[in-house]
Amino acid sequence: MTGETKTCGRCQAVKPLAGFYSGLICRECSKKKTAEWKKANPEKARVSALRWASSEKGRAINRASAAKFYKENPYTHSHYSARPEVYRAKNKLTAERLTDCYVANGMGLSVRDAPKDLIQAKREQMQITRLLRELNKQLKETK
């Protein structure tokens, strides 16, 4: 290590200090090492990512990066306001079809976490509730 440079302990490349985090390996090697670890340990990586995202520092960084992204890409998040009728129609169709995602979200679960049998049972319950609502509506109209 000399003045403004440092030697990576993994790839042995001499790089400026800006090319390192605080450790002994350069940023590129660190990213490769992390990617290898995530591939070898997917469940631990998922838990680690969730823990980070729920930490105060993680939430602050996510908010800051989201704000920066939306400022730099104004049309990626304003598409709804540009064509709300398209999204209302799509949402209505999703609700009518009772897709797995719609049903699971209605139970406060993700599709990944909800068992298929539970989704199917909830879908049938929703269909029955809709039929009852329609029958009640028809009864009120005939009175």
N, C-alpha and C. Protein backbone atom coordinates (compact mmCIF):
# COMPACT_ATOMS: atom_id res chain seq x y z
N MET A 1 0.84 -1.18 0.00
CA MET A 1 0.00 0.00 0.00
C MET A 1 0.89 1.24 0.00
N THR A 2 0.60 2.10 -0.94
CA THR A 2 1.38 3.34 -1.02
C THR A 2 0.43 4.51 -1.13
N GLY A 3 0.66 5.56 -0.38
CA GLY A 3 -0.09 6.81 -0.45
C GLY A 3 -1.55 6.68 -0.78
N GLU A 4 -1.89 6.86 -2.05
CA GLU A 4 -3.26 6.89 -2.52
C GLU A 4 -3.70 5.58 -3.16
N THR A 5 -2.88 4.53 -3.11
CA THR A 5 -3.24 3.25 -3.70
C THR A 5 -3.16 2.14 -2.66
N LYS A 6 -3.73 1.00 -3.05
CA LYS A 6 -3.77 -0.15 -2.15
C LYS A 6 -3.79 -1.40 -3.03
N THR A 7 -3.23 -2.51 -2.55
CA THR A 7 -3.23 -3.76 -3.29
C THR A 7 -4.35 -4.66 -2.77
N CYS A 8 -5.14 -5.17 -3.70
CA CYS A 8 -6.25 -6.05 -3.33
C CYS A 8 -5.68 -7.38 -2.85
N GLY A 9 -6.21 -7.88 -1.76
CA GLY A 9 -5.75 -9.14 -1.21
C GLY A 9 -6.27 -10.35 -1.96
N ARG A 10 -7.19 -10.15 -2.89
CA ARG A 10 -7.75 -11.27 -3.64
C ARG A 10 -7.21 -11.33 -5.08
N CYS A 11 -7.32 -10.23 -5.79
CA CYS A 11 -6.88 -10.22 -7.19
C CYS A 11 -5.47 -9.63 -7.36
N GLN A 12 -4.91 -9.13 -6.30
CA GLN A 12 -3.55 -8.56 -6.27
C GLN A 12 -3.38 -7.32 -7.16
N ALA A 13 -4.47 -6.71 -7.57
CA ALA A 13 -4.39 -5.50 -8.40
C ALA A 13 -4.14 -4.29 -7.49
N VAL A 14 -3.34 -3.37 -7.98
CA VAL A 14 -3.09 -2.12 -7.26
C VAL A 14 -4.12 -1.11 -7.75
N LYS A 15 -4.92 -0.59 -6.81
CA LYS A 15 -6.01 0.31 -7.17
C LYS A 15 -6.01 1.51 -6.24
N PRO A 16 -6.65 2.60 -6.66
CA PRO A 16 -6.76 3.76 -5.76
C PRO A 16 -7.65 3.41 -4.56
N LEU A 17 -7.51 4.15 -3.49
CA LEU A 17 -8.28 3.88 -2.26
C LEU A 17 -9.78 3.93 -2.48
N ALA A 18 -10.21 4.73 -3.45
CA ALA A 18 -11.64 4.81 -3.76
C ALA A 18 -12.18 3.49 -4.31
N GLY A 19 -11.30 2.60 -4.78
CA GLY A 19 -11.71 1.31 -5.32
C GLY A 19 -11.90 0.25 -4.25
N PHE A 20 -11.84 0.65 -2.97
CA PHE A 20 -11.97 -0.28 -1.86
C PHE A 20 -13.08 0.19 -0.93
N TYR A 21 -13.71 -0.79 -0.28
CA TYR A 21 -14.54 -0.45 0.86
C TYR A 21 -13.56 -0.32 2.02
N SER A 22 -13.89 -0.69 3.21
CA SER A 22 -12.95 -0.52 4.32
C SER A 22 -12.03 -1.73 4.50
N GLY A 23 -12.28 -2.83 3.77
CA GLY A 23 -11.51 -4.05 3.97
C GLY A 23 -10.27 -4.17 3.11
N LEU A 24 -9.80 -5.42 2.98
CA LEU A 24 -8.56 -5.69 2.27
C LEU A 24 -8.76 -6.04 0.80
N ILE A 25 -10.02 -6.28 0.39
CA ILE A 25 -10.24 -6.62 -1.02
C ILE A 25 -10.98 -5.48 -1.71
N CYS A 26 -10.75 -5.35 -3.02
CA CYS A 26 -11.33 -4.25 -3.79
C CYS A 26 -12.85 -4.42 -3.93
N ARG A 27 -13.49 -3.38 -4.39
CA ARG A 27 -14.95 -3.40 -4.53
C ARG A 27 -15.42 -4.49 -5.50
N GLU A 28 -14.72 -4.65 -6.62
CA GLU A 28 -15.11 -5.66 -7.60
C GLU A 28 -15.02 -7.06 -7.00
N CYS A 29 -13.91 -7.35 -6.33
CA CYS A 29 -13.75 -8.66 -5.69
C CYS A 29 -14.77 -8.86 -4.58
N SER A 30 -15.07 -7.80 -3.85
CA SER A 30 -16.06 -7.87 -2.79
C SER A 30 -17.43 -8.21 -3.36
N LYS A 31 -17.78 -7.57 -4.47
CA LYS A 31 -19.07 -7.84 -5.11
C LYS A 31 -19.13 -9.28 -5.63
N LYS A 32 -18.04 -9.74 -6.22
CA LYS A 32 -18.00 -11.13 -6.71
C LYS A 32 -18.13 -12.11 -5.56
N LYS A 33 -17.41 -11.84 -4.48
CA LYS A 33 -17.45 -12.71 -3.30
C LYS A 33 -18.86 -12.76 -2.71
N THR A 34 -19.51 -11.62 -2.64
CA THR A 34 -20.87 -11.55 -2.12
C THR A 34 -21.83 -12.32 -3.02
N ALA A 35 -21.69 -12.16 -4.34
CA ALA A 35 -22.55 -12.88 -5.28
C ALA A 35 -22.36 -14.39 -5.16
N GLU A 36 -21.12 -14.83 -4.99
CA GLU A 36 -20.85 -16.25 -4.82
C GLU A 36 -21.50 -16.76 -3.54
N TRP A 37 -21.39 -15.99 -2.46
CA TRP A 37 -21.97 -16.41 -1.19
C TRP A 37 -23.49 -16.48 -1.29
N LYS A 38 -24.11 -15.49 -1.96
CA LYS A 38 -25.56 -15.49 -2.12
C LYS A 38 -26.04 -16.69 -2.92
N LYS A 39 -25.26 -17.05 -3.94
CA LYS A 39 -25.62 -18.21 -4.76
C LYS A 39 -25.50 -19.50 -3.96
N ALA A 40 -24.48 -19.59 -3.10
CA ALA A 40 -24.26 -20.79 -2.30
C ALA A 40 -25.20 -20.86 -1.10
N ASN A 41 -25.70 -19.73 -0.63
CA ASN A 41 -26.55 -19.68 0.57
C ASN A 41 -27.81 -18.85 0.32
N PRO A 42 -28.71 -19.30 -0.55
CA PRO A 42 -29.85 -18.46 -0.91
C PRO A 42 -30.78 -18.13 0.26
N GLU A 43 -31.02 -19.09 1.15
CA GLU A 43 -31.92 -18.84 2.27
C GLU A 43 -31.31 -17.83 3.25
N LYS A 44 -30.03 -18.00 3.57
CA LYS A 44 -29.35 -17.05 4.45
C LYS A 44 -29.31 -15.66 3.81
N ALA A 45 -29.12 -15.61 2.51
CA ALA A 45 -29.07 -14.33 1.80
C ALA A 45 -30.43 -13.63 1.87
N ARG A 46 -31.50 -14.40 1.73
CA ARG A 46 -32.85 -13.84 1.80
C ARG A 46 -33.13 -13.27 3.18
N VAL A 47 -32.78 -14.04 4.22
CA VAL A 47 -32.98 -13.58 5.59
C VAL A 47 -32.14 -12.34 5.87
N SER A 48 -30.91 -12.35 5.39
CA SER A 48 -30.02 -11.20 5.59
C SER A 48 -30.58 -9.96 4.90
N ALA A 49 -31.09 -10.13 3.70
CA ALA A 49 -31.66 -8.99 2.96
C ALA A 49 -32.89 -8.45 3.67
N LEU A 50 -33.74 -9.34 4.19
CA LEU A 50 -34.92 -8.89 4.92
C LEU A 50 -34.54 -8.16 6.19
N ARG A 51 -33.54 -8.68 6.90
CA ARG A 51 -33.08 -8.04 8.12
C ARG A 51 -32.54 -6.64 7.81
N TRP A 52 -31.76 -6.53 6.74
CA TRP A 52 -31.20 -5.24 6.34
C TRP A 52 -32.31 -4.27 5.96
N ALA A 53 -33.26 -4.74 5.16
CA ALA A 53 -34.33 -3.87 4.69
C ALA A 53 -35.19 -3.37 5.84
N SER A 54 -35.32 -4.16 6.92
CA SER A 54 -36.15 -3.75 8.04
C SER A 54 -35.37 -2.93 9.07
N SER A 55 -34.06 -2.81 8.92
CA SER A 55 -33.27 -2.01 9.86
C SER A 55 -33.48 -0.53 9.55
N GLU A 56 -33.24 0.30 10.54
CA GLU A 56 -33.42 1.75 10.35
C GLU A 56 -32.50 2.28 9.25
N LYS A 57 -31.25 1.85 9.24
CA LYS A 57 -30.31 2.30 8.22
C LYS A 57 -30.75 1.82 6.83
N GLY A 58 -31.19 0.57 6.74
CA GLY A 58 -31.65 0.03 5.46
C GLY A 58 -32.85 0.77 4.93
N ARG A 59 -33.82 1.08 5.81
CA ARG A 59 -35.00 1.83 5.37
C ARG A 59 -34.62 3.23 4.92
N ALA A 60 -33.71 3.86 5.64
CA ALA A 60 -33.28 5.21 5.26
C ALA A 60 -32.60 5.21 3.90
N ILE A 61 -31.73 4.24 3.67
CA ILE A 61 -31.04 4.14 2.38
C ILE A 61 -32.03 3.82 1.27
N ASN A 62 -32.99 2.92 1.53
CA ASN A 62 -34.00 2.59 0.52
C ASN A 62 -34.85 3.80 0.17
N ARG A 63 -35.23 4.59 1.18
CA ARG A 63 -36.01 5.80 0.91
C ARG A 63 -35.21 6.79 0.07
N ALA A 64 -33.94 6.96 0.44
CA ALA A 64 -33.10 7.91 -0.30
C ALA A 64 -32.88 7.45 -1.73
N SER A 65 -32.63 6.16 -1.93
CA SER A 65 -32.39 5.68 -3.29
C SER A 65 -33.67 5.71 -4.11
N ALA A 66 -34.82 5.46 -3.47
CA ALA A 66 -36.09 5.54 -4.19
C ALA A 66 -36.37 6.98 -4.61
N ALA A 67 -36.13 7.91 -3.70
CA ALA A 67 -36.36 9.32 -4.02
C ALA A 67 -35.47 9.76 -5.17
N LYS A 68 -34.21 9.34 -5.13
CA LYS A 68 -33.28 9.69 -6.20
C LYS A 68 -33.74 9.08 -7.53
N PHE A 69 -34.16 7.80 -7.50
CA PHE A 69 -34.61 7.13 -8.72
C PHE A 69 -35.82 7.85 -9.32
N TYR A 70 -36.83 8.17 -8.49
CA TYR A 70 -38.03 8.80 -9.01
C TYR A 70 -37.76 10.21 -9.51
N LYS A 71 -36.78 10.87 -8.90
CA LYS A 71 -36.42 12.19 -9.38
C LYS A 71 -35.76 12.10 -10.75
N GLU A 72 -34.91 11.08 -10.94
CA GLU A 72 -34.21 10.91 -12.21
C GLU A 72 -35.09 10.27 -13.28
N ASN A 73 -36.14 9.53 -12.88
CA ASN A 73 -37.01 8.82 -13.82
C ASN A 73 -38.47 9.18 -13.54
N PRO A 74 -38.88 10.39 -13.86
CA PRO A 74 -40.22 10.84 -13.46
C PRO A 74 -41.36 10.07 -14.12
N TYR A 75 -41.14 9.44 -15.26
CA TYR A 75 -42.25 8.79 -15.95
C TYR A 75 -42.45 7.34 -15.52
N THR A 76 -41.54 6.77 -14.76
CA THR A 76 -41.70 5.38 -14.37
C THR A 76 -42.76 5.20 -13.29
N HIS A 77 -43.00 6.20 -12.47
CA HIS A 77 -43.99 6.06 -11.42
C HIS A 77 -45.23 6.91 -11.64
N SER A 78 -45.23 7.74 -12.65
CA SER A 78 -46.40 8.58 -12.91
C SER A 78 -47.28 7.98 -14.00
N HIS A 79 -47.00 6.74 -14.40
CA HIS A 79 -47.78 6.13 -15.48
C HIS A 79 -49.25 5.98 -15.08
N TYR A 80 -49.53 5.74 -13.79
CA TYR A 80 -50.91 5.58 -13.37
C TYR A 80 -51.69 6.86 -13.60
N SER A 81 -51.12 7.99 -13.19
CA SER A 81 -51.83 9.25 -13.34
C SER A 81 -51.99 9.64 -14.80
N ALA A 82 -51.11 9.12 -15.65
CA ALA A 82 -51.21 9.44 -17.08
C ALA A 82 -52.36 8.68 -17.74
N ARG A 83 -52.60 7.43 -17.29
CA ARG A 83 -53.66 6.60 -17.90
C ARG A 83 -54.40 5.81 -16.81
N PRO A 84 -55.11 6.47 -15.93
CA PRO A 84 -55.74 5.76 -14.81
C PRO A 84 -56.80 4.77 -15.25
N GLU A 85 -57.49 5.05 -16.36
CA GLU A 85 -58.55 4.15 -16.80
C GLU A 85 -58.01 2.77 -17.18
N VAL A 86 -56.80 2.73 -17.73
CA VAL A 86 -56.18 1.46 -18.09
C VAL A 86 -55.91 0.63 -16.84
N TYR A 87 -55.39 1.28 -15.82
CA TYR A 87 -55.05 0.55 -14.59
C TYR A 87 -56.29 0.18 -13.79
N ARG A 88 -57.32 1.02 -13.83
CA ARG A 88 -58.57 0.65 -13.17
C ARG A 88 -59.18 -0.57 -13.84
N ALA A 89 -59.16 -0.62 -15.17
CA ALA A 89 -59.70 -1.76 -15.90
C ALA A 89 -58.91 -3.03 -15.59
N LYS A 90 -57.59 -2.89 -15.55
CA LYS A 90 -56.74 -4.05 -15.25
C LYS A 90 -57.01 -4.56 -13.83
N ASN A 91 -57.12 -3.64 -12.87
CA ASN A 91 -57.39 -4.04 -11.49
C ASN A 91 -58.76 -4.68 -11.35
N LYS A 92 -59.74 -4.17 -12.08
CA LYS A 92 -61.08 -4.74 -12.04
C LYS A 92 -61.08 -6.15 -12.61
N LEU A 93 -60.36 -6.35 -13.70
CA LEU A 93 -60.27 -7.67 -14.31
C LEU A 93 -59.58 -8.66 -13.36
N THR A 94 -58.53 -8.21 -12.69
CA THR A 94 -57.83 -9.06 -11.72
C THR A 94 -58.77 -9.47 -10.60
N ALA A 95 -59.58 -8.52 -10.12
CA ALA A 95 -60.53 -8.82 -9.05
C ALA A 95 -61.62 -9.77 -9.52
N GLU A 96 -62.09 -9.60 -10.75
CA GLU A 96 -63.13 -10.47 -11.28
C GLU A 96 -62.63 -11.90 -11.46
N ARG A 97 -61.41 -12.04 -11.90
CA ARG A 97 -60.85 -13.37 -12.14
C ARG A 97 -60.42 -14.07 -10.87
N LEU A 98 -60.30 -13.32 -9.78
CA LEU A 98 -59.83 -13.86 -8.50
C LEU A 98 -58.51 -14.62 -8.67
N THR A 99 -57.53 -13.92 -9.18
CA THR A 99 -56.22 -14.53 -9.39
C THR A 99 -55.60 -14.91 -8.06
N ASP A 100 -54.63 -15.81 -8.09
CA ASP A 100 -53.95 -16.24 -6.87
C ASP A 100 -53.38 -15.06 -6.11
N CYS A 101 -52.78 -14.13 -6.85
CA CYS A 101 -52.17 -12.96 -6.23
C CYS A 101 -53.23 -12.11 -5.53
N TYR A 102 -54.35 -11.89 -6.18
CA TYR A 102 -55.43 -11.08 -5.61
C TYR A 102 -55.97 -11.72 -4.34
N VAL A 103 -56.21 -13.02 -4.39
CA VAL A 103 -56.77 -13.74 -3.24
C VAL A 103 -55.77 -13.74 -2.07
N ALA A 104 -54.51 -14.04 -2.36
CA ALA A 104 -53.50 -14.07 -1.30
C ALA A 104 -53.33 -12.69 -0.68
N ASN A 105 -53.29 -11.63 -1.49
CA ASN A 105 -53.17 -10.28 -0.96
C ASN A 105 -54.37 -9.92 -0.09
N GLY A 106 -55.54 -10.43 -0.45
CA GLY A 106 -56.73 -10.20 0.36
C GLY A 106 -56.62 -10.81 1.74
N MET A 107 -55.82 -11.84 1.88
CA MET A 107 -55.58 -12.48 3.18
C MET A 107 -54.38 -11.88 3.88
N GLY A 108 -53.71 -10.92 3.24
CA GLY A 108 -52.53 -10.31 3.84
C GLY A 108 -51.28 -11.17 3.67
N LEU A 109 -51.28 -12.06 2.69
CA LEU A 109 -50.14 -12.95 2.44
C LEU A 109 -49.61 -12.73 1.03
N SER A 110 -48.38 -13.16 0.81
CA SER A 110 -47.87 -13.16 -0.56
C SER A 110 -48.22 -14.51 -1.17
N VAL A 111 -48.22 -14.59 -2.48
CA VAL A 111 -48.54 -15.84 -3.16
C VAL A 111 -47.55 -16.92 -2.75
N ARG A 112 -46.30 -16.52 -2.55
CA ARG A 112 -45.25 -17.46 -2.17
C ARG A 112 -45.52 -18.10 -0.81
N ASP A 113 -46.07 -17.31 0.13
CA ASP A 113 -46.26 -17.79 1.49
C ASP A 113 -47.58 -18.53 1.70
N ALA A 114 -48.56 -18.29 0.84
CA ALA A 114 -49.88 -18.89 1.03
C ALA A 114 -49.95 -20.27 0.36
N PRO A 115 -50.41 -21.31 1.09
CA PRO A 115 -50.57 -22.63 0.48
C PRO A 115 -51.67 -22.59 -0.58
N LYS A 116 -51.50 -23.39 -1.62
CA LYS A 116 -52.47 -23.41 -2.73
C LYS A 116 -53.87 -23.78 -2.24
N ASP A 117 -53.96 -24.73 -1.30
CA ASP A 117 -55.27 -25.15 -0.78
C ASP A 117 -55.97 -23.99 -0.09
N LEU A 118 -55.21 -23.19 0.66
CA LEU A 118 -55.79 -22.04 1.35
C LEU A 118 -56.27 -21.00 0.34
N ILE A 119 -55.49 -20.77 -0.70
CA ILE A 119 -55.90 -19.82 -1.74
C ILE A 119 -57.18 -20.29 -2.41
N GLN A 120 -57.26 -21.58 -2.71
CA GLN A 120 -58.45 -22.11 -3.37
C GLN A 120 -59.68 -22.01 -2.46
N ALA A 121 -59.51 -22.31 -1.17
CA ALA A 121 -60.62 -22.20 -0.23
C ALA A 121 -61.09 -20.75 -0.11
N LYS A 122 -60.17 -19.83 -0.02
CA LYS A 122 -60.51 -18.41 0.09
C LYS A 122 -61.18 -17.92 -1.19
N ARG A 123 -60.71 -18.41 -2.35
CA ARG A 123 -61.32 -18.04 -3.63
C ARG A 123 -62.78 -18.48 -3.66
N GLU A 124 -63.05 -19.71 -3.21
CA GLU A 124 -64.43 -20.21 -3.18
C GLU A 124 -65.28 -19.40 -2.22
N GLN A 125 -64.72 -19.03 -1.07
CA GLN A 125 -65.45 -18.19 -0.12
C GLN A 125 -65.79 -16.84 -0.75
N MET A 126 -64.85 -16.26 -1.47
CA MET A 126 -65.08 -14.96 -2.11
C MET A 126 -66.16 -15.07 -3.19
N GLN A 127 -66.16 -16.19 -3.93
CA GLN A 127 -67.18 -16.40 -4.96
C GLN A 127 -68.57 -16.51 -4.33
N ILE A 128 -68.66 -17.23 -3.22
CA ILE A 128 -69.94 -17.38 -2.52
C ILE A 128 -70.41 -16.03 -1.98
N THR A 129 -69.49 -15.27 -1.41
CA THR A 129 -69.84 -13.95 -0.88
C THR A 129 -70.34 -13.05 -2.00
N ARG A 130 -69.72 -13.12 -3.15
CA ARG A 130 -70.16 -12.30 -4.29
C ARG A 130 -71.55 -12.73 -4.77
N LEU A 131 -71.79 -14.05 -4.80
CA LEU A 131 -73.11 -14.54 -5.21
C LEU A 131 -74.18 -14.08 -4.23
N LEU A 132 -73.89 -14.16 -2.93
CA LEU A 132 -74.86 -13.72 -1.93
C LEU A 132 -75.15 -12.23 -2.05
N ARG A 133 -74.12 -11.45 -2.29
CA ARG A 133 -74.29 -10.01 -2.46
C ARG A 133 -75.18 -9.71 -3.67
N GLU A 134 -74.97 -10.45 -4.75
CA GLU A 134 -75.76 -10.26 -5.97
C GLU A 134 -77.22 -10.67 -5.74
N LEU A 135 -77.42 -11.78 -5.03
CA LEU A 135 -78.78 -12.22 -4.73
C LEU A 135 -79.50 -11.21 -3.84
N ASN A 136 -78.82 -10.68 -2.83
CA ASN A 136 -79.43 -9.67 -1.96
C ASN A 136 -79.79 -8.42 -2.76
N LYS A 137 -78.94 -8.06 -3.68
CA LYS A 137 -79.20 -6.89 -4.53
C LYS A 137 -80.45 -7.11 -5.37
N GLN A 138 -80.58 -8.33 -5.94
CA GLN A 138 -81.75 -8.66 -6.76
C GLN A 138 -83.03 -8.68 -5.92
N LEU A 139 -82.93 -9.19 -4.69
CA LEU A 139 -84.10 -9.23 -3.80
C LEU A 139 -84.57 -7.82 -3.47
N LYS A 140 -83.63 -6.91 -3.21
CA LYS A 140 -84.00 -5.54 -2.89
C LYS A 140 -84.65 -4.85 -4.07
N GLU A 141 -84.21 -5.20 -5.28
CA GLU A 141 -84.77 -4.58 -6.49
C GLU A 141 -86.19 -5.08 -6.76
N THR A 142 -86.50 -6.32 -6.40
CA THR A 142 -87.83 -6.87 -6.65
C THR A 142 -88.86 -6.40 -5.62
N LYS A 143 -88.41 -5.93 -4.46
CA LYS A 143 -89.35 -5.47 -3.42
C LYS A 143 -89.91 -4.12 -3.71
